[in-house]
Protein backbone atom coordinates (compact mmCIF):
# COMPACT_ATOMS: atom_id res chain seq x y z
CA MET A 1 103.71 104.33 84.82
CA PRO A 2 100.37 104.41 86.64
CA GLU A 3 98.62 101.09 86.15
CA MET A 4 95.13 99.87 86.87
CA PRO A 5 95.29 99.89 90.71
CA GLU A 6 96.65 103.47 90.91
CA VAL A 7 94.33 104.69 88.16
CA GLN A 8 91.40 103.17 90.07
CA GLY A 9 92.63 104.98 93.17
CA LEU A 10 92.61 108.27 91.24
CA VAL A 11 89.12 107.53 89.91
CA ASP A 12 87.82 106.85 93.42
CA PHE A 13 89.39 110.09 94.65
CA LEU A 14 87.91 112.13 91.80
CA GLY A 15 84.57 110.47 92.38
CA GLU A 16 84.59 111.89 95.92
CA ARG A 17 86.13 115.30 95.19
CA ALA A 18 85.20 116.28 91.64
CA VAL A 19 81.85 114.64 90.85
CA GLY A 20 79.00 117.10 91.36
CA HIS A 21 81.17 120.14 90.63
CA ALA A 22 81.14 122.23 87.46
CA ILE A 23 84.26 122.83 85.41
CA THR A 24 84.80 126.58 85.25
CA ARG A 25 87.96 126.62 83.16
CA THR A 26 90.47 124.40 81.36
CA SER A 27 93.95 125.64 80.52
CA VAL A 28 96.12 123.72 78.06
CA GLY A 29 99.82 123.82 78.95
CA GLU A 30 101.02 121.28 76.39
CA ILE A 31 99.14 121.54 73.12
CA ALA A 32 100.47 118.18 71.90
CA ALA A 33 98.73 116.46 74.83
CA LEU A 34 95.29 117.47 73.51
CA LYS A 35 94.42 114.84 70.94
CA THR A 36 90.95 116.08 69.90
CA TYR A 37 89.49 119.35 68.66
CA ASP A 38 85.77 118.56 68.23
CA PRO A 39 84.28 119.14 70.74
CA PRO A 40 86.82 121.80 71.81
CA ASN A 41 88.14 121.73 75.36
CA THR A 42 86.15 124.91 76.01
CA ALA A 43 82.96 122.84 75.64
CA LEU A 44 83.72 121.60 79.15
CA HIS A 45 83.38 125.09 80.63
CA GLY A 46 80.23 125.24 82.72
CA ALA A 47 79.62 121.48 82.46
CA THR A 48 79.04 119.52 85.66
CA ILE A 49 81.03 116.34 86.27
CA THR A 50 78.49 113.58 86.82
CA ALA A 51 80.71 110.50 87.04
CA ALA A 52 84.32 109.33 87.27
CA SER A 53 85.24 105.95 85.82
CA ARG A 54 88.14 103.91 84.50
CA GLN A 55 88.67 101.96 81.30
CA GLY A 56 92.01 100.17 81.37
CA LYS A 57 94.52 102.90 82.27
CA PHE A 58 92.25 105.67 80.97
CA ILE A 59 90.37 107.98 83.36
CA VAL A 60 86.97 109.18 82.18
CA LEU A 61 85.27 112.23 83.72
CA SER A 62 81.74 112.34 82.33
CA CYS A 63 79.66 115.50 82.07
CA GLY A 64 76.32 113.88 81.36
CA ASP A 65 76.03 111.29 78.62
CA GLU A 66 77.35 113.31 75.70
CA LEU A 67 80.54 115.03 76.90
CA HIS A 68 83.56 113.32 78.46
CA LEU A 69 87.05 114.40 79.49
CA VAL A 70 89.32 111.39 79.02
CA PHE A 71 93.01 111.20 79.86
CA HIS A 72 95.84 108.69 79.92
CA LEU A 73 98.81 109.51 82.14
CA ALA A 74 101.30 107.45 80.09
CA LYS A 75 104.73 106.66 81.54
CA ALA A 76 105.57 109.86 83.41
CA GLY A 77 102.25 111.60 83.91
CA TRP A 78 100.38 112.26 87.12
CA LEU A 79 97.39 114.10 88.60
CA ARG A 80 98.09 116.86 91.11
CA TRP A 81 95.04 117.82 93.18
CA TYR A 82 94.48 121.23 94.79
CA GLU A 83 91.89 122.22 97.35
CA LEU A 84 92.69 125.78 96.25
CA LEU A 85 93.87 125.91 92.65
CA PRO A 86 96.88 128.20 91.99
CA THR A 87 96.06 131.41 90.16
CA THR A 88 99.39 131.63 88.32
CA LEU A 89 99.09 131.57 84.56
CA ILE A 90 100.32 128.48 82.74
CA LYS A 91 102.88 129.24 80.04
CA PRO A 92 102.56 126.62 77.29
CA GLY A 93 105.72 124.57 76.95
CA LYS A 94 107.32 126.20 79.99
CA SER A 95 106.12 123.88 82.76
CA PRO A 96 105.32 120.19 83.33
CA ILE A 97 101.60 121.03 83.36
CA ALA A 98 99.77 119.56 80.36
CA LEU A 99 96.25 120.55 81.44
CA ARG A 100 94.70 122.47 84.33
CA VAL A 101 91.07 121.94 85.27
CA ALA A 102 89.39 124.49 87.56
CA LEU A 103 86.22 123.62 89.45
CA ASP A 104 83.45 125.78 90.88
CA ASP A 105 84.61 125.33 94.49
CA ASP A 106 88.00 126.97 93.72
CA GLY A 107 89.69 123.57 93.72
CA GLY A 108 90.81 121.50 90.76
CA PHE A 109 93.72 119.56 89.37
CA ASP A 110 96.70 119.64 87.05
CA LEU A 111 97.74 116.84 84.74
CA THR A 112 101.53 116.91 84.77
CA GLU A 113 104.23 115.03 82.90
CA ALA A 114 107.91 114.78 83.78
CA GLY A 115 110.77 114.29 81.33
CA THR A 116 111.20 115.23 77.71
CA LYS A 117 109.27 112.36 76.11
CA LYS A 118 105.71 113.66 76.13
CA SER A 119 103.12 110.90 75.89
CA LEU A 120 100.33 112.07 78.22
CA ALA A 121 97.10 112.22 76.21
CA VAL A 122 93.90 114.22 76.77
CA TYR A 123 90.65 113.80 74.83
CA VAL A 124 87.33 115.66 74.87
CA VAL A 125 84.79 113.35 73.25
CA ARG A 126 81.09 112.67 72.96
CA ASP A 127 81.62 108.96 73.63
CA PRO A 128 84.62 107.34 75.39
CA GLN A 129 84.66 104.71 72.63
CA ASP A 130 85.75 107.51 70.27
CA VAL A 131 89.18 107.31 71.95
CA PRO A 132 91.19 104.81 69.86
CA GLY A 133 93.01 103.36 72.86
CA ILE A 134 89.74 102.63 74.66
CA ALA A 135 88.13 101.08 71.59
CA ARG A 136 91.03 98.60 71.39
CA LEU A 137 90.99 97.52 75.05
CA GLY A 138 90.71 93.89 76.05
CA PRO A 139 88.65 92.72 79.04
CA GLU A 140 89.12 94.05 82.57
CA PRO A 141 90.97 91.41 84.66
CA LEU A 142 88.94 92.00 87.84
CA SER A 143 85.53 92.06 86.19
CA ASP A 144 83.03 89.32 87.02
CA GLU A 145 83.09 88.21 83.39
CA PHE A 146 86.85 87.61 83.42
CA THR A 147 86.92 84.00 84.58
CA ARG A 148 89.69 81.45 84.54
CA ASP A 149 88.19 79.90 81.40
CA VAL A 150 88.02 83.28 79.64
CA PHE A 151 91.68 83.80 80.49
CA ALA A 152 92.59 80.35 79.18
CA THR A 153 90.84 81.13 75.90
CA LEU A 154 92.91 84.32 75.53
CA LEU A 155 96.09 82.26 75.84
CA GLU A 156 95.18 79.55 73.34
CA GLY A 157 97.51 79.31 70.37
CA ARG A 158 99.42 82.49 71.16
CA ARG A 159 103.18 82.46 70.59
CA MET A 160 103.72 85.57 72.73
CA GLN A 161 105.93 85.53 75.79
CA ILE A 162 103.66 85.75 78.80
CA LYS A 163 105.22 88.99 80.06
CA GLY A 164 104.33 90.71 76.78
CA LEU A 165 100.83 89.27 76.73
CA LEU A 166 100.03 90.54 80.22
CA ARG A 167 101.14 94.03 79.15
CA ASP A 168 99.20 94.02 75.88
CA GLN A 169 96.20 96.30 76.45
CA SER A 170 94.30 94.75 73.55
CA VAL A 171 94.43 91.37 75.33
CA ILE A 172 93.93 92.40 78.98
CA ALA A 173 93.25 95.98 80.07
CA GLY A 174 95.16 97.81 82.77
CA ILE A 175 98.26 95.72 83.52
CA GLY A 176 101.66 97.26 82.75
CA ASN A 177 105.31 96.58 83.35
CA ALA A 178 105.25 96.70 87.14
CA TYR A 179 102.28 94.49 87.90
CA SER A 180 103.17 91.96 85.21
CA ASP A 181 106.48 91.48 87.07
CA GLU A 182 104.61 91.07 90.34
CA ILE A 183 102.03 88.67 88.91
CA LEU A 184 104.68 86.45 87.32
CA HIS A 185 106.69 86.35 90.53
CA ALA A 186 103.60 85.35 92.51
CA ALA A 187 102.86 82.67 89.90
CA LYS A 188 106.49 81.42 89.98
CA MET A 189 106.63 81.75 86.20
CA SER A 190 109.34 82.91 83.82
CA PRO A 191 108.54 86.13 81.94
CA TYR A 192 109.64 84.30 78.78
CA ALA A 193 107.17 81.42 79.11
CA ILE A 194 105.15 81.05 75.89
CA SER A 195 101.47 81.85 76.47
CA GLY A 196 100.03 79.12 74.27
CA LYS A 197 102.20 76.39 75.83
CA LEU A 198 100.99 76.83 79.42
CA ASP A 199 99.28 73.76 80.83
CA ASP A 200 96.18 73.77 83.02
CA ALA A 201 98.17 73.97 86.24
CA ASP A 202 100.18 76.91 84.90
CA ILE A 203 97.00 78.73 83.88
CA ASP A 204 95.39 78.10 87.28
CA ARG A 205 98.46 79.44 89.06
CA LEU A 206 98.80 82.48 86.81
CA PHE A 207 95.11 83.37 86.97
CA ASP A 208 95.08 83.15 90.78
CA ALA A 209 98.26 85.26 90.97
CA MET A 210 96.73 87.90 88.71
CA GLN A 211 93.56 88.13 90.74
CA THR A 212 95.31 88.25 94.12
CA THR A 213 98.03 90.70 93.07
CA LEU A 214 95.61 93.17 91.49
CA GLN A 215 92.98 92.89 94.20
CA ASP A 216 95.58 93.55 96.90
CA ALA A 217 96.98 96.54 94.97
CA VAL A 218 93.52 98.04 94.41
CA ALA A 219 92.73 97.63 98.11
CA ALA A 220 96.03 99.31 99.05
CA ALA A 221 95.29 102.26 96.75
CA SER A 222 91.71 102.71 97.95
CA GLY A 223 91.17 105.90 99.90
CA LYS A 224 94.64 107.29 99.22
CA PRO A 225 95.02 110.85 97.90
CA PRO A 226 96.97 111.24 94.65
CA ALA A 227 100.07 112.46 96.50
CA ASP A 228 100.35 109.12 98.36
CA LEU A 229 99.54 106.65 95.59
CA LYS A 230 103.02 106.37 94.08
CA ASP A 231 104.64 105.48 97.41
CA THR A 232 101.84 103.02 98.16
CA LYS A 233 102.48 101.32 94.82
CA ARG A 234 106.24 101.03 95.36
CA SER A 235 105.92 99.76 98.92
CA GLY A 236 103.91 96.75 97.78
CA PHE A 237 106.42 95.48 95.22
CA ARG A 238 108.28 92.23 95.85
CA VAL A 239 110.48 92.18 92.73
CA HIS A 240 109.65 95.10 90.45
CA ALA A 241 112.20 97.91 90.91
CA ARG A 242 113.93 95.74 93.56
CA ARG A 243 117.02 94.79 91.58
CA GLY A 244 119.84 93.67 93.88
CA GLU A 245 117.55 93.14 96.86
CA ALA A 246 116.65 89.81 98.43
CA CYS A 247 113.55 88.03 97.17
CA PRO A 248 111.06 88.04 100.07
CA VAL A 249 110.06 84.45 99.26
CA CYS A 250 113.36 82.60 98.85
CA GLY A 251 116.12 85.12 99.63
CA ASP A 252 117.79 84.94 96.21
CA THR A 253 118.91 88.21 94.62
CA VAL A 254 116.31 89.92 92.43
CA ARG A 255 117.67 90.35 88.89
CA SER A 256 116.84 92.64 85.97
CA VAL A 257 116.68 92.26 82.22
CA PHE A 258 117.15 95.57 80.45
CA PHE A 259 115.52 96.57 77.18
CA ALA A 260 115.80 99.81 75.22
CA ASP A 261 113.21 101.74 77.22
CA ARG A 262 112.35 99.56 80.21
CA SER A 263 113.44 96.64 82.34
CA LEU A 264 111.82 93.65 83.95
CA GLU A 265 112.63 92.19 87.34
CA TYR A 266 112.42 88.56 88.44
CA CYS A 267 113.74 86.07 90.96
CA PRO A 268 115.85 83.28 89.38
CA THR A 269 115.10 80.74 92.11
CA CYS A 270 111.34 81.36 92.14
CA GLN A 271 110.80 81.83 88.41
CA THR A 272 113.53 80.42 86.14
CA ASP A 273 114.94 77.37 87.96
CA GLY A 274 118.01 79.41 88.87
CA LYS A 275 118.77 80.50 85.30
CA ILE A 276 120.01 84.08 84.87
CA LEU A 277 118.27 85.73 81.92
CA ALA A 278 120.42 87.62 79.41
CA ASP A 279 120.48 91.41 79.19
CA ARG A 280 118.54 92.07 75.99
CA ARG A 281 120.58 95.15 75.13
CA LEU A 282 123.77 93.09 75.06
CA SER A 283 122.04 90.27 73.20
CA ARG A 284 121.21 92.63 70.35
CA LEU A 285 124.80 93.85 70.16
CA LEU A 286 126.16 90.30 69.99
CA LYS A 287 123.95 89.23 67.06
């Protein structure tokens, strides 16, 4: 799933390539991906893109102040950029293309989604806050306002496991499964630590790990075209998606905990005092 650093990389790319150009055509390839009908997607035709921005994992292409194309790439979505957009017709439901956007310089992009579970979402709105997912977002973790004390306040009294809290978009915007693994490894913290029970030293360590991990990932994504962003993301991981490999810090074997639709990765030596965490799928079967 694209997370904040990769989404910011896409926003920066679109800011350079798409801003200043008019949208000449939009073609919907997956009708279920289009979540709004007023304004219609055809309202974008002839509108000039004036800004590209990010809110959490949402990308916002603004056409002035009163018309915005907003999309969320979900778990298996991506943006495919073309300097010369293909002229082949999109057959709804017959390709991975959810939406095609043509620009006035003959370029443009496709929003694509792999797999059978379709979660990519597209909105045409008058105000980005009209998108429910944006309206619910918590603070941005790299904003100037997101201080250590603000973070500590978010943790107070919460009984959530810290892995889940980091992934909760209503608490902190933009962090997903991959970077929460990386942040917790850098902080030397168990994914099952209870948020409200962290002491001051824990909070200091976790906040610093969050800032460093995300800043480094954003810097790595900066200037990369969409085609290179996925590989850039994977190459920076120390534990996420590294099951069975050696931890780069201590040399222990990176382990996984599997859930119904995802997994987490961690280093036992660095994060859990050597304890091997149980496979959650098996734990449910044994209850």
